[in-house]
Amino acid sequence: MFTGLIQQIGTLSRRETVAGGLRLVIAGASWHPPLTRGESMAVNGACLTIAQIQGKNFAGDILQETLDRTTLGGKRPGAALNLERALRLGDPLGGHLVTGHVDGIGAVSRRQAKGRDWILRVTCGTELLHGMVLKGSIAIDGVSLTITELDDHSFAVALIPFTCEHTALGKLKAGDTVNLETDLIGKHVRRTMETEQAPTPLTWERLRDAGFGEG
């Protein structure tokens, strides 16, 4: 589990083909406490397991499912990547609950200055939009943000100067693709409502429970 508060901007050092997927070797600053093999790291919002550590570099393997659902497979050496270690018991929760399981990909359609801030508009599929609410939370490339506008085809968020300076979102431009994870609590609420509204199928067991078919 993560919070959507980015701790470092890493740089993709190299890509390696491995059985069943891809390995990304990422360079960053020192971590305290030091990284350990097997721990989880959110890389642009996608939860990866650290497979190797060498100095300030670490490697994470990406399976085909993650390649299909995220933008990581298209990243090239030199790309800036948002990094966040998994939450530990007692850590502050300053953003919102982020699982690291990316729901899908969006595309930046517009980036517009508004005073000192930037308004980022992202287009995405209907299924993703149905999981969003105005003023609700969204993780874009792993960054916890608040939805400021929402319509049938896109949504918008505001990037303050701190976010632009301390995450890779500051480098985004129109046409770039991003990883999206909708709010975890919202997804559970939606699922519960859909289940309650779904008609219950008529079965022999239900008929017997209602007193039919007896005698």
N, C-alpha and C. Protein backbone atom coordinates (compact mmCIF):
# COMPACT_ATOMS: atom_id res chain seq x y z
N MET A 1 0.85 -1.18 0.00
CA MET A 1 0.00 0.00 0.00
C MET A 1 0.89 1.24 0.00
N PHE A 2 0.40 2.29 -0.68
CA PHE A 2 1.17 3.52 -0.82
C PHE A 2 0.27 4.72 -0.51
N THR A 3 0.85 5.92 -0.53
CA THR A 3 0.08 7.12 -0.20
C THR A 3 -0.06 8.09 -1.36
N GLY A 4 0.72 7.91 -2.42
CA GLY A 4 0.69 8.86 -3.52
C GLY A 4 1.56 10.07 -3.30
N LEU A 5 2.40 10.04 -2.26
CA LEU A 5 3.35 11.12 -2.01
C LEU A 5 4.74 10.64 -2.46
N ILE A 6 5.23 11.21 -3.54
CA ILE A 6 6.47 10.74 -4.16
C ILE A 6 7.67 11.10 -3.30
N GLN A 7 8.57 10.12 -3.12
CA GLN A 7 9.74 10.31 -2.27
C GLN A 7 11.00 10.64 -3.06
N GLN A 8 11.06 10.17 -4.30
CA GLN A 8 12.21 10.45 -5.16
C GLN A 8 11.77 10.45 -6.61
N ILE A 9 12.54 11.16 -7.44
CA ILE A 9 12.42 11.00 -8.88
C ILE A 9 13.62 10.18 -9.33
N GLY A 10 13.36 8.98 -9.81
CA GLY A 10 14.43 8.12 -10.30
C GLY A 10 14.60 8.29 -11.80
N THR A 11 15.67 7.70 -12.32
CA THR A 11 15.95 7.75 -13.75
C THR A 11 16.11 6.33 -14.26
N LEU A 12 15.41 6.00 -15.34
CA LEU A 12 15.55 4.67 -15.93
C LEU A 12 16.95 4.54 -16.52
N SER A 13 17.72 3.61 -15.96
CA SER A 13 19.10 3.41 -16.40
C SER A 13 19.17 2.50 -17.62
N ARG A 14 18.47 1.36 -17.53
CA ARG A 14 18.45 0.45 -18.68
C ARG A 14 17.27 -0.51 -18.57
N ARG A 15 16.96 -1.15 -19.70
CA ARG A 15 15.90 -2.16 -19.79
C ARG A 15 16.54 -3.50 -20.13
N GLU A 16 16.05 -4.57 -19.50
CA GLU A 16 16.56 -5.90 -19.78
C GLU A 16 15.38 -6.85 -19.99
N THR A 17 15.47 -7.66 -21.02
CA THR A 17 14.43 -8.67 -21.26
C THR A 17 14.66 -9.86 -20.34
N VAL A 18 13.61 -10.25 -19.63
CA VAL A 18 13.67 -11.42 -18.75
C VAL A 18 12.52 -12.35 -19.12
N ALA A 19 12.57 -13.56 -18.60
CA ALA A 19 11.52 -14.54 -18.91
C ALA A 19 10.16 -14.00 -18.49
N GLY A 20 9.26 -13.91 -19.44
CA GLY A 20 7.90 -13.50 -19.15
C GLY A 20 7.68 -12.02 -19.01
N GLY A 21 8.70 -11.21 -19.28
CA GLY A 21 8.48 -9.78 -19.11
C GLY A 21 9.72 -8.93 -19.33
N LEU A 22 9.83 -7.89 -18.50
CA LEU A 22 10.87 -6.88 -18.67
C LEU A 22 11.43 -6.50 -17.31
N ARG A 23 12.72 -6.23 -17.26
CA ARG A 23 13.34 -5.74 -16.03
C ARG A 23 13.79 -4.30 -16.25
N LEU A 24 13.40 -3.42 -15.33
CA LEU A 24 13.83 -2.03 -15.36
C LEU A 24 14.88 -1.80 -14.29
N VAL A 25 16.01 -1.24 -14.69
CA VAL A 25 17.06 -0.87 -13.74
C VAL A 25 16.96 0.64 -13.56
N ILE A 26 16.75 1.06 -12.32
CA ILE A 26 16.44 2.46 -12.02
C ILE A 26 17.49 3.04 -11.09
N ALA A 27 17.98 4.22 -11.43
CA ALA A 27 18.97 4.93 -10.61
C ALA A 27 18.27 6.00 -9.79
N GLY A 28 18.68 6.13 -8.54
CA GLY A 28 18.10 7.15 -7.67
C GLY A 28 19.09 7.57 -6.62
N ALA A 29 18.63 8.37 -5.67
CA ALA A 29 19.47 8.79 -4.55
C ALA A 29 19.47 7.69 -3.49
N SER A 30 20.21 7.91 -2.41
CA SER A 30 20.24 6.94 -1.32
C SER A 30 18.89 6.89 -0.61
N TRP A 31 18.57 5.73 -0.07
CA TRP A 31 17.33 5.56 0.69
C TRP A 31 17.67 5.28 2.15
N HIS A 32 16.85 5.80 3.04
CA HIS A 32 17.02 5.50 4.47
C HIS A 32 15.67 5.10 5.06
N PRO A 33 15.61 3.88 5.64
CA PRO A 33 16.67 2.86 5.66
C PRO A 33 16.94 2.33 4.26
N PRO A 34 18.08 1.65 4.08
CA PRO A 34 18.44 1.15 2.75
C PRO A 34 17.39 0.21 2.18
N LEU A 35 17.31 0.17 0.86
CA LEU A 35 16.40 -0.75 0.19
C LEU A 35 16.81 -2.20 0.46
N THR A 36 15.84 -3.09 0.42
CA THR A 36 16.11 -4.51 0.57
C THR A 36 15.43 -5.28 -0.56
N ARG A 37 16.04 -6.37 -0.96
CA ARG A 37 15.43 -7.21 -2.00
C ARG A 37 14.09 -7.75 -1.50
N GLY A 38 13.12 -7.77 -2.39
CA GLY A 38 11.82 -8.30 -2.03
C GLY A 38 10.82 -7.25 -1.56
N GLU A 39 11.28 -6.05 -1.24
CA GLU A 39 10.32 -5.03 -0.81
C GLU A 39 9.63 -4.41 -2.01
N SER A 40 8.52 -3.72 -1.75
CA SER A 40 7.72 -3.15 -2.83
C SER A 40 8.08 -1.69 -3.07
N MET A 41 8.06 -1.31 -4.33
CA MET A 41 8.32 0.08 -4.73
C MET A 41 7.30 0.45 -5.81
N ALA A 42 6.63 1.58 -5.62
CA ALA A 42 5.74 2.08 -6.66
C ALA A 42 6.57 2.88 -7.65
N VAL A 43 6.55 2.45 -8.90
CA VAL A 43 7.28 3.12 -9.98
C VAL A 43 6.25 3.69 -10.94
N ASN A 44 6.13 5.00 -10.96
CA ASN A 44 5.06 5.67 -11.72
C ASN A 44 3.70 5.07 -11.39
N GLY A 45 3.53 4.74 -10.12
CA GLY A 45 2.24 4.25 -9.64
C GLY A 45 2.03 2.76 -9.72
N ALA A 46 2.95 2.02 -10.36
CA ALA A 46 2.82 0.57 -10.48
C ALA A 46 3.69 -0.11 -9.43
N CYS A 47 3.11 -1.01 -8.67
CA CYS A 47 3.85 -1.70 -7.61
C CYS A 47 4.76 -2.76 -8.21
N LEU A 48 6.07 -2.59 -7.98
CA LEU A 48 7.06 -3.56 -8.43
C LEU A 48 7.80 -4.12 -7.23
N THR A 49 8.27 -5.35 -7.35
CA THR A 49 9.10 -5.96 -6.32
C THR A 49 10.56 -5.76 -6.68
N ILE A 50 11.34 -5.28 -5.72
CA ILE A 50 12.76 -5.06 -5.97
C ILE A 50 13.47 -6.41 -6.07
N ALA A 51 14.03 -6.68 -7.24
CA ALA A 51 14.68 -7.97 -7.49
C ALA A 51 16.18 -7.91 -7.26
N GLN A 52 16.79 -6.75 -7.52
CA GLN A 52 18.24 -6.59 -7.36
C GLN A 52 18.54 -5.19 -6.85
N ILE A 53 19.65 -5.08 -6.13
CA ILE A 53 20.13 -3.77 -5.66
C ILE A 53 21.63 -3.71 -5.91
N GLN A 54 22.08 -2.63 -6.52
CA GLN A 54 23.50 -2.43 -6.75
C GLN A 54 23.81 -0.95 -6.57
N GLY A 55 24.42 -0.62 -5.43
CA GLY A 55 24.68 0.78 -5.13
C GLY A 55 23.37 1.54 -4.99
N LYS A 56 23.25 2.63 -5.75
CA LYS A 56 22.02 3.43 -5.72
C LYS A 56 21.02 2.97 -6.78
N ASN A 57 21.36 1.91 -7.50
CA ASN A 57 20.46 1.36 -8.51
C ASN A 57 19.66 0.19 -7.94
N PHE A 58 18.44 0.06 -8.39
CA PHE A 58 17.67 -1.14 -8.07
C PHE A 58 16.94 -1.58 -9.33
N ALA A 59 16.56 -2.86 -9.36
CA ALA A 59 15.87 -3.42 -10.52
C ALA A 59 14.54 -4.01 -10.09
N GLY A 60 13.53 -3.80 -10.93
CA GLY A 60 12.22 -4.38 -10.70
C GLY A 60 11.73 -5.07 -11.96
N ASP A 61 11.13 -6.24 -11.79
CA ASP A 61 10.63 -7.00 -12.94
C ASP A 61 9.16 -6.68 -13.21
N ILE A 62 8.82 -6.61 -14.49
CA ILE A 62 7.46 -6.30 -14.91
C ILE A 62 6.91 -7.47 -15.71
N LEU A 63 5.81 -8.05 -15.26
CA LEU A 63 5.18 -9.14 -15.98
C LEU A 63 4.28 -8.59 -17.09
N GLN A 64 3.82 -9.47 -17.97
CA GLN A 64 3.05 -9.03 -19.14
C GLN A 64 1.78 -8.29 -18.75
N GLU A 65 1.13 -8.72 -17.67
CA GLU A 65 -0.09 -8.04 -17.22
C GLU A 65 0.17 -6.57 -16.94
N THR A 66 1.29 -6.29 -16.27
CA THR A 66 1.65 -4.90 -15.97
C THR A 66 2.05 -4.15 -17.23
N LEU A 67 2.75 -4.82 -18.14
CA LEU A 67 3.12 -4.18 -19.40
C LEU A 67 1.87 -3.79 -20.19
N ASP A 68 0.84 -4.64 -20.15
CA ASP A 68 -0.38 -4.38 -20.90
C ASP A 68 -1.19 -3.24 -20.29
N ARG A 69 -1.11 -3.08 -18.97
CA ARG A 69 -2.01 -2.16 -18.27
C ARG A 69 -1.37 -0.81 -17.94
N THR A 70 -0.05 -0.70 -18.07
CA THR A 70 0.65 0.52 -17.68
C THR A 70 1.49 1.07 -18.82
N THR A 71 2.11 2.21 -18.56
CA THR A 71 2.98 2.85 -19.55
C THR A 71 4.44 2.42 -19.41
N LEU A 72 4.75 1.58 -18.43
CA LEU A 72 6.16 1.28 -18.13
C LEU A 72 6.89 0.62 -19.29
N GLY A 73 6.18 -0.19 -20.07
CA GLY A 73 6.83 -0.87 -21.18
C GLY A 73 7.34 0.08 -22.25
N GLY A 74 6.79 1.28 -22.30
CA GLY A 74 7.21 2.25 -23.31
C GLY A 74 8.29 3.21 -22.85
N LYS A 75 8.71 3.09 -21.60
CA LYS A 75 9.74 3.99 -21.08
C LYS A 75 11.11 3.61 -21.63
N ARG A 76 11.91 4.61 -21.92
CA ARG A 76 13.25 4.42 -22.46
C ARG A 76 14.29 4.97 -21.49
N PRO A 77 15.54 4.48 -21.58
CA PRO A 77 16.59 4.99 -20.69
C PRO A 77 16.63 6.52 -20.68
N GLY A 78 16.76 7.05 -19.48
CA GLY A 78 16.75 8.50 -19.30
C GLY A 78 15.42 9.04 -18.82
N ALA A 79 14.37 8.22 -18.89
CA ALA A 79 13.04 8.67 -18.47
C ALA A 79 13.00 8.90 -16.97
N ALA A 80 12.32 9.97 -16.55
CA ALA A 80 12.13 10.27 -15.13
C ALA A 80 10.96 9.46 -14.60
N LEU A 81 11.13 8.86 -13.41
CA LEU A 81 10.12 7.98 -12.84
C LEU A 81 9.83 8.37 -11.40
N ASN A 82 8.54 8.43 -11.05
CA ASN A 82 8.14 8.70 -9.68
C ASN A 82 8.33 7.45 -8.83
N LEU A 83 8.97 7.61 -7.67
CA LEU A 83 9.26 6.48 -6.80
C LEU A 83 8.67 6.70 -5.41
N GLU A 84 8.04 5.65 -4.88
CA GLU A 84 7.54 5.67 -3.51
C GLU A 84 7.64 4.28 -2.91
N ARG A 85 8.27 4.19 -1.74
CA ARG A 85 8.33 2.91 -1.03
C ARG A 85 6.97 2.60 -0.42
N ALA A 86 6.74 1.31 -0.17
CA ALA A 86 5.48 0.90 0.44
C ALA A 86 5.37 1.43 1.86
N LEU A 87 4.14 1.67 2.28
CA LEU A 87 3.88 2.12 3.64
C LEU A 87 4.34 1.09 4.66
N ARG A 88 4.85 1.60 5.78
CA ARG A 88 5.15 0.74 6.92
C ARG A 88 4.24 1.14 8.07
N LEU A 89 4.00 0.21 8.99
CA LEU A 89 3.16 0.49 10.14
C LEU A 89 3.70 1.70 10.90
N GLY A 90 2.86 2.70 11.10
CA GLY A 90 3.27 3.90 11.81
C GLY A 90 3.61 5.06 10.89
N ASP A 91 3.75 4.80 9.59
CA ASP A 91 4.03 5.89 8.65
C ASP A 91 2.81 6.80 8.52
N PRO A 92 3.03 8.11 8.33
CA PRO A 92 1.90 9.02 8.14
C PRO A 92 1.24 8.78 6.78
N LEU A 93 -0.07 8.97 6.73
CA LEU A 93 -0.82 8.84 5.49
C LEU A 93 -1.21 10.24 5.04
N GLY A 94 -0.34 10.84 4.23
CA GLY A 94 -0.54 12.23 3.85
C GLY A 94 -1.32 12.43 2.57
N GLY A 95 -1.38 11.40 1.72
CA GLY A 95 -2.12 11.53 0.47
C GLY A 95 -3.44 10.80 0.56
N HIS A 96 -3.58 9.70 -0.20
CA HIS A 96 -4.73 8.81 -0.05
C HIS A 96 -4.24 7.39 -0.29
N LEU A 97 -5.05 6.41 0.04
CA LEU A 97 -4.63 5.02 -0.10
C LEU A 97 -4.49 4.64 -1.57
N VAL A 98 -3.29 4.23 -1.94
CA VAL A 98 -2.97 3.84 -3.32
C VAL A 98 -2.43 2.42 -3.27
N THR A 99 -3.00 1.52 -4.07
CA THR A 99 -2.59 0.12 -4.01
C THR A 99 -1.37 -0.20 -4.87
N GLY A 100 -1.13 0.61 -5.89
CA GLY A 100 -0.08 0.28 -6.85
C GLY A 100 -0.55 -0.64 -7.95
N HIS A 101 -1.86 -0.91 -7.98
CA HIS A 101 -2.46 -1.72 -9.05
C HIS A 101 -3.13 -0.75 -10.03
N VAL A 102 -2.43 -0.42 -11.08
CA VAL A 102 -2.90 0.58 -12.04
C VAL A 102 -4.17 0.10 -12.73
N ASP A 103 -5.17 0.98 -12.82
CA ASP A 103 -6.45 0.62 -13.45
C ASP A 103 -6.42 0.77 -14.96
N GLY A 104 -5.61 1.67 -15.45
CA GLY A 104 -5.56 1.89 -16.89
C GLY A 104 -4.69 3.08 -17.24
N ILE A 105 -4.71 3.44 -18.51
CA ILE A 105 -3.84 4.50 -19.04
C ILE A 105 -4.69 5.66 -19.54
N GLY A 106 -4.23 6.87 -19.27
CA GLY A 106 -4.85 8.08 -19.79
C GLY A 106 -3.86 8.84 -20.64
N ALA A 107 -4.35 9.84 -21.36
CA ALA A 107 -3.49 10.67 -22.21
C ALA A 107 -3.68 12.13 -21.86
N VAL A 108 -2.59 12.85 -21.70
CA VAL A 108 -2.66 14.28 -21.41
C VAL A 108 -3.15 15.00 -22.66
N SER A 109 -4.28 15.68 -22.54
CA SER A 109 -4.83 16.41 -23.69
C SER A 109 -4.49 17.90 -23.64
N ARG A 110 -4.26 18.40 -22.44
CA ARG A 110 -3.93 19.83 -22.33
C ARG A 110 -3.21 20.11 -21.02
N ARG A 111 -2.26 21.02 -21.09
CA ARG A 111 -1.57 21.51 -19.89
C ARG A 111 -1.60 23.03 -19.97
N GLN A 112 -2.26 23.65 -19.01
CA GLN A 112 -2.53 25.08 -19.09
C GLN A 112 -2.13 25.77 -17.79
N ALA A 113 -1.41 26.88 -17.92
CA ALA A 113 -0.99 27.65 -16.75
C ALA A 113 -2.18 28.37 -16.14
N LYS A 114 -2.23 28.39 -14.81
CA LYS A 114 -3.25 29.14 -14.08
C LYS A 114 -2.58 29.77 -12.87
N GLY A 115 -2.13 31.00 -13.03
CA GLY A 115 -1.34 31.63 -11.98
C GLY A 115 -0.02 30.90 -11.84
N ARG A 116 0.30 30.46 -10.64
CA ARG A 116 1.53 29.71 -10.39
C ARG A 116 1.32 28.21 -10.59
N ASP A 117 0.08 27.80 -10.77
CA ASP A 117 -0.24 26.38 -10.91
C ASP A 117 -0.38 26.00 -12.38
N TRP A 118 -0.52 24.69 -12.59
CA TRP A 118 -0.80 24.16 -13.92
C TRP A 118 -2.05 23.30 -13.84
N ILE A 119 -2.94 23.44 -14.82
CA ILE A 119 -4.12 22.59 -14.92
C ILE A 119 -3.82 21.51 -15.95
N LEU A 120 -3.92 20.27 -15.52
CA LEU A 120 -3.63 19.13 -16.38
C LEU A 120 -4.94 18.43 -16.70
N ARG A 121 -5.28 18.34 -17.99
CA ARG A 121 -6.49 17.62 -18.40
C ARG A 121 -6.08 16.30 -19.03
N VAL A 122 -6.74 15.23 -18.59
CA VAL A 122 -6.41 13.87 -19.02
C VAL A 122 -7.65 13.20 -19.58
N THR A 123 -7.53 12.62 -20.76
CA THR A 123 -8.62 11.84 -21.34
C THR A 123 -8.39 10.36 -21.05
N CYS A 124 -9.47 9.62 -20.87
CA CYS A 124 -9.35 8.18 -20.59
C CYS A 124 -10.68 7.50 -20.90
N GLY A 125 -10.72 6.19 -20.75
CA GLY A 125 -11.90 5.41 -21.08
C GLY A 125 -13.05 5.63 -20.11
N THR A 126 -14.24 5.28 -20.58
CA THR A 126 -15.46 5.47 -19.79
C THR A 126 -15.42 4.69 -18.49
N GLU A 127 -14.89 3.48 -18.53
CA GLU A 127 -14.85 2.65 -17.32
C GLU A 127 -14.04 3.33 -16.22
N LEU A 128 -12.93 3.95 -16.59
CA LEU A 128 -12.13 4.67 -15.60
C LEU A 128 -12.88 5.89 -15.09
N LEU A 129 -13.51 6.64 -15.98
CA LEU A 129 -14.24 7.85 -15.58
C LEU A 129 -15.38 7.52 -14.63
N HIS A 130 -16.00 6.35 -14.80
CA HIS A 130 -17.10 5.96 -13.91
C HIS A 130 -16.61 5.72 -12.48
N GLY A 131 -15.31 5.51 -12.33
CA GLY A 131 -14.75 5.29 -11.00
C GLY A 131 -14.27 6.57 -10.34
N MET A 132 -14.55 7.72 -10.96
CA MET A 132 -14.09 9.01 -10.43
C MET A 132 -15.26 9.86 -9.96
N VAL A 133 -14.99 10.73 -8.99
CA VAL A 133 -15.98 11.70 -8.53
C VAL A 133 -15.30 13.05 -8.42
N LEU A 134 -16.06 14.11 -8.65
CA LEU A 134 -15.54 15.46 -8.52
C LEU A 134 -15.06 15.69 -7.08
N LYS A 135 -13.88 16.25 -6.94
CA LYS A 135 -13.21 16.49 -5.65
C LYS A 135 -12.71 15.20 -5.00
N GLY A 136 -12.83 14.09 -5.73
CA GLY A 136 -12.29 12.83 -5.23
C GLY A 136 -10.81 12.70 -5.56
N SER A 137 -10.21 11.61 -5.11
CA SER A 137 -8.77 11.39 -5.30
C SER A 137 -8.51 10.56 -6.55
N ILE A 138 -7.37 10.81 -7.16
CA ILE A 138 -6.88 10.05 -8.31
C ILE A 138 -5.36 9.99 -8.22
N ALA A 139 -4.78 8.86 -8.58
CA ALA A 139 -3.32 8.75 -8.64
C ALA A 139 -2.91 8.79 -10.10
N ILE A 140 -2.12 9.80 -10.47
CA ILE A 140 -1.58 9.93 -11.82
C ILE A 140 -0.09 9.65 -11.76
N ASP A 141 0.35 8.59 -12.43
CA ASP A 141 1.75 8.15 -12.34
C ASP A 141 2.20 8.07 -10.88
N GLY A 142 1.27 7.61 -10.03
CA GLY A 142 1.58 7.40 -8.62
C GLY A 142 1.44 8.60 -7.72
N VAL A 143 1.07 9.76 -8.27
CA VAL A 143 0.96 10.99 -7.48
C VAL A 143 -0.49 11.21 -7.05
N SER A 144 -0.72 11.39 -5.76
CA SER A 144 -2.05 11.63 -5.23
C SER A 144 -2.51 13.05 -5.57
N LEU A 145 -3.63 13.15 -6.28
CA LEU A 145 -4.16 14.44 -6.71
C LEU A 145 -5.67 14.47 -6.52
N THR A 146 -6.23 15.68 -6.57
CA THR A 146 -7.67 15.86 -6.42
C THR A 146 -8.29 16.24 -7.76
N ILE A 147 -9.38 15.58 -8.11
CA ILE A 147 -10.07 15.86 -9.37
C ILE A 147 -10.82 17.18 -9.25
N THR A 148 -10.48 18.15 -10.09
CA THR A 148 -11.10 19.47 -10.04
C THR A 148 -12.19 19.66 -11.09
N GLU A 149 -12.13 18.88 -12.16
CA GLU A 149 -13.15 18.93 -13.22
C GLU A 149 -13.36 17.51 -13.73
N LEU A 150 -14.59 17.23 -14.15
CA LEU A 150 -14.91 15.88 -14.61
C LEU A 150 -16.05 15.95 -15.62
N ASP A 151 -15.84 15.34 -16.80
CA ASP A 151 -16.91 15.26 -17.79
C ASP A 151 -16.97 13.85 -18.37
N ASP A 152 -17.67 13.68 -19.48
CA ASP A 152 -17.88 12.34 -20.04
C ASP A 152 -16.65 11.77 -20.73
N HIS A 153 -15.64 12.59 -20.97
CA HIS A 153 -14.48 12.12 -21.73
C HIS A 153 -13.15 12.35 -21.03
N SER A 154 -13.13 13.20 -20.01
CA SER A 154 -11.84 13.57 -19.41
C SER A 154 -12.04 14.10 -18.00
N PHE A 155 -10.92 14.34 -17.34
CA PHE A 155 -10.94 14.97 -16.03
C PHE A 155 -9.73 15.90 -15.93
N ALA A 156 -9.74 16.77 -14.94
CA ALA A 156 -8.64 17.72 -14.77
C ALA A 156 -8.18 17.73 -13.32
N VAL A 157 -6.90 18.01 -13.13
CA VAL A 157 -6.31 18.17 -11.81
C VAL A 157 -5.44 19.42 -11.83
N ALA A 158 -5.16 19.96 -10.65
CA ALA A 158 -4.27 21.12 -10.54
C ALA A 158 -2.93 20.67 -9.98
N LEU A 159 -1.85 21.11 -10.61
CA LEU A 159 -0.50 20.82 -10.14
C LEU A 159 0.09 22.08 -9.54
N ILE A 160 0.37 22.04 -8.25
CA ILE A 160 1.01 23.18 -7.60
C ILE A 160 2.51 23.15 -7.90
N PRO A 161 3.22 24.28 -7.70
CA PRO A 161 4.65 24.30 -8.02
C PRO A 161 5.45 23.19 -7.33
N PHE A 162 5.12 22.88 -6.06
CA PHE A 162 5.86 21.83 -5.35
C PHE A 162 5.74 20.50 -6.07
N THR A 163 4.53 20.17 -6.53
CA THR A 163 4.32 18.90 -7.24
C THR A 163 5.11 18.87 -8.54
N CYS A 164 5.13 19.99 -9.26
CA CYS A 164 5.88 20.05 -10.52
C CYS A 164 7.38 19.89 -10.29
N GLU A 165 7.87 20.42 -9.17
CA GLU A 165 9.30 20.38 -8.89
C GLU A 165 9.76 19.04 -8.32
N HIS A 166 8.89 18.37 -7.58
CA HIS A 166 9.30 17.18 -6.84
C HIS A 166 8.74 15.87 -7.39
N THR A 167 8.07 15.92 -8.52
CA THR A 167 7.61 14.70 -9.19
C THR A 167 7.89 14.83 -10.68
N ALA A 168 7.77 13.72 -11.38
CA ALA A 168 7.98 13.74 -12.83
C ALA A 168 6.80 14.34 -13.59
N LEU A 169 5.71 14.67 -12.89
CA LEU A 169 4.56 15.28 -13.56
C LEU A 169 4.90 16.64 -14.14
N GLY A 170 5.91 17.29 -13.57
CA GLY A 170 6.31 18.59 -14.07
C GLY A 170 6.83 18.55 -15.49
N LYS A 171 7.20 17.36 -15.98
CA LYS A 171 7.73 17.21 -17.34
C LYS A 171 6.66 16.83 -18.35
N LEU A 172 5.42 16.58 -17.89
CA LEU A 172 4.38 16.12 -18.80
C LEU A 172 3.97 17.20 -19.80
N LYS A 173 3.61 16.75 -20.98
CA LYS A 173 3.10 17.65 -22.03
C LYS A 173 1.96 16.95 -22.76
N ALA A 174 1.22 17.72 -23.55
CA ALA A 174 0.09 17.15 -24.29
C ALA A 174 0.56 16.00 -25.17
N GLY A 175 -0.18 14.91 -25.12
CA GLY A 175 0.15 13.71 -25.89
C GLY A 175 0.83 12.63 -25.07
N ASP A 176 1.39 12.98 -23.92
CA ASP A 176 2.02 11.98 -23.06
C ASP A 176 0.96 11.08 -22.43
N THR A 177 1.32 9.83 -22.20
CA THR A 177 0.41 8.89 -21.54
C THR A 177 0.81 8.72 -20.08
N VAL A 178 -0.18 8.43 -19.24
CA VAL A 178 0.06 8.33 -17.80
C VAL A 178 -0.71 7.15 -17.23
N ASN A 179 -0.18 6.61 -16.12
CA ASN A 179 -0.86 5.55 -15.39
C ASN A 179 -1.92 6.16 -14.47
N LEU A 180 -3.08 5.53 -14.41
CA LEU A 180 -4.18 6.01 -13.58
C LEU A 180 -4.65 4.93 -12.62
N GLU A 181 -4.83 5.32 -11.37
CA GLU A 181 -5.46 4.44 -10.38
C GLU A 181 -6.55 5.24 -9.68
N THR A 182 -7.79 4.80 -9.83
CA THR A 182 -8.89 5.51 -9.19
C THR A 182 -8.93 5.18 -7.70
N ASP A 183 -9.73 5.94 -6.97
CA ASP A 183 -9.76 5.86 -5.51
C ASP A 183 -10.22 4.48 -5.03
N LEU A 184 -9.47 3.89 -4.13
CA LEU A 184 -9.74 2.54 -3.63
C LEU A 184 -11.09 2.46 -2.93
N ILE A 185 -11.38 3.42 -2.06
CA ILE A 185 -12.64 3.40 -1.32
C ILE A 185 -13.82 3.56 -2.28
N GLY A 186 -13.66 4.46 -3.26
CA GLY A 186 -14.72 4.66 -4.24
C GLY A 186 -15.02 3.39 -5.02
N LYS A 187 -13.97 2.63 -5.35
CA LYS A 187 -14.17 1.38 -6.10
C LYS A 187 -14.98 0.38 -5.28
N HIS A 188 -14.69 0.29 -3.98
CA HIS A 188 -15.43 -0.65 -3.13
C HIS A 188 -16.88 -0.22 -2.96
N VAL A 189 -17.10 1.10 -2.82
CA VAL A 189 -18.48 1.60 -2.70
C VAL A 189 -19.26 1.30 -3.97
N ARG A 190 -18.63 1.55 -5.12
CA ARG A 190 -19.30 1.30 -6.39
C ARG A 190 -19.63 -0.19 -6.55
N ARG A 191 -18.69 -1.05 -6.19
CA ARG A 191 -18.92 -2.49 -6.31
C ARG A 191 -20.07 -2.93 -5.42
N THR A 192 -20.12 -2.39 -4.20
CA THR A 192 -21.18 -2.74 -3.27
C THR A 192 -22.54 -2.32 -3.81
N MET A 193 -22.60 -1.11 -4.37
CA MET A 193 -23.86 -0.60 -4.91
C MET A 193 -24.31 -1.43 -6.11
N GLU A 194 -23.37 -1.81 -6.97
CA GLU A 194 -23.72 -2.62 -8.14
C GLU A 194 -24.24 -3.98 -7.71
N THR A 195 -23.63 -4.55 -6.67
CA THR A 195 -24.06 -5.87 -6.18
C THR A 195 -25.46 -5.80 -5.59
N GLU A 196 -25.74 -4.74 -4.83
CA GLU A 196 -27.05 -4.60 -4.20
C GLU A 196 -28.14 -4.35 -5.23
N GLN A 197 -27.79 -3.67 -6.33
CA GLN A 197 -28.79 -3.34 -7.34
C GLN A 197 -29.02 -4.48 -8.33
N ALA A 198 -28.08 -5.42 -8.38
CA ALA A 198 -28.21 -6.52 -9.34
C ALA A 198 -29.36 -7.44 -8.94
N PRO A 199 -30.20 -7.86 -9.90
CA PRO A 199 -31.31 -8.77 -9.56
C PRO A 199 -30.78 -10.13 -9.12
N THR A 200 -31.42 -10.69 -8.10
CA THR A 200 -31.03 -12.00 -7.60
C THR A 200 -31.66 -13.07 -8.47
N PRO A 201 -30.89 -14.01 -9.00
CA PRO A 201 -31.45 -15.03 -9.89
C PRO A 201 -32.43 -15.94 -9.15
N LEU A 202 -33.47 -16.37 -9.89
CA LEU A 202 -34.47 -17.28 -9.32
C LEU A 202 -33.94 -18.71 -9.39
N THR A 203 -33.85 -19.36 -8.24
CA THR A 203 -33.34 -20.73 -8.18
C THR A 203 -34.34 -21.60 -7.41
N TRP A 204 -34.17 -22.95 -7.55
CA TRP A 204 -35.02 -23.88 -6.80
C TRP A 204 -34.85 -23.67 -5.30
N GLU A 205 -33.64 -23.36 -4.88
CA GLU A 205 -33.41 -23.14 -3.45
C GLU A 205 -34.22 -21.95 -2.95
N ARG A 206 -34.26 -20.87 -3.73
CA ARG A 206 -35.03 -19.70 -3.31
C ARG A 206 -36.52 -20.01 -3.31
N LEU A 207 -37.00 -20.79 -4.29
CA LEU A 207 -38.41 -21.17 -4.32
C LEU A 207 -38.78 -22.01 -3.10
N ARG A 208 -37.91 -22.96 -2.74
CA ARG A 208 -38.18 -23.80 -1.57
C ARG A 208 -38.19 -22.96 -0.30
N ASP A 209 -37.23 -22.01 -0.22
CA ASP A 209 -37.18 -21.14 0.96
C ASP A 209 -38.45 -20.30 1.09
N ALA A 210 -39.08 -19.99 -0.06
CA ALA A 210 -40.30 -19.19 -0.05
C ALA A 210 -41.56 -20.03 0.16
N GLY A 211 -41.40 -21.37 0.27
CA GLY A 211 -42.54 -22.23 0.55
C GLY A 211 -43.14 -22.90 -0.66
N PHE A 212 -42.54 -22.70 -1.84
CA PHE A 212 -43.06 -23.35 -3.05
C PHE A 212 -42.44 -24.74 -3.21
N GLY A 213 -43.16 -25.62 -3.87
CA GLY A 213 -42.64 -26.95 -4.18
C GLY A 213 -42.72 -27.90 -3.01
N GLU A 214 -43.43 -27.52 -1.92
CA GLU A 214 -43.55 -28.40 -0.76
C GLU A 214 -44.90 -29.11 -0.80
N GLY A 215 -44.99 -30.27 -0.13
CA GLY A 215 -46.25 -30.99 -0.01
C GLY A 215 -46.58 -31.86 -1.21
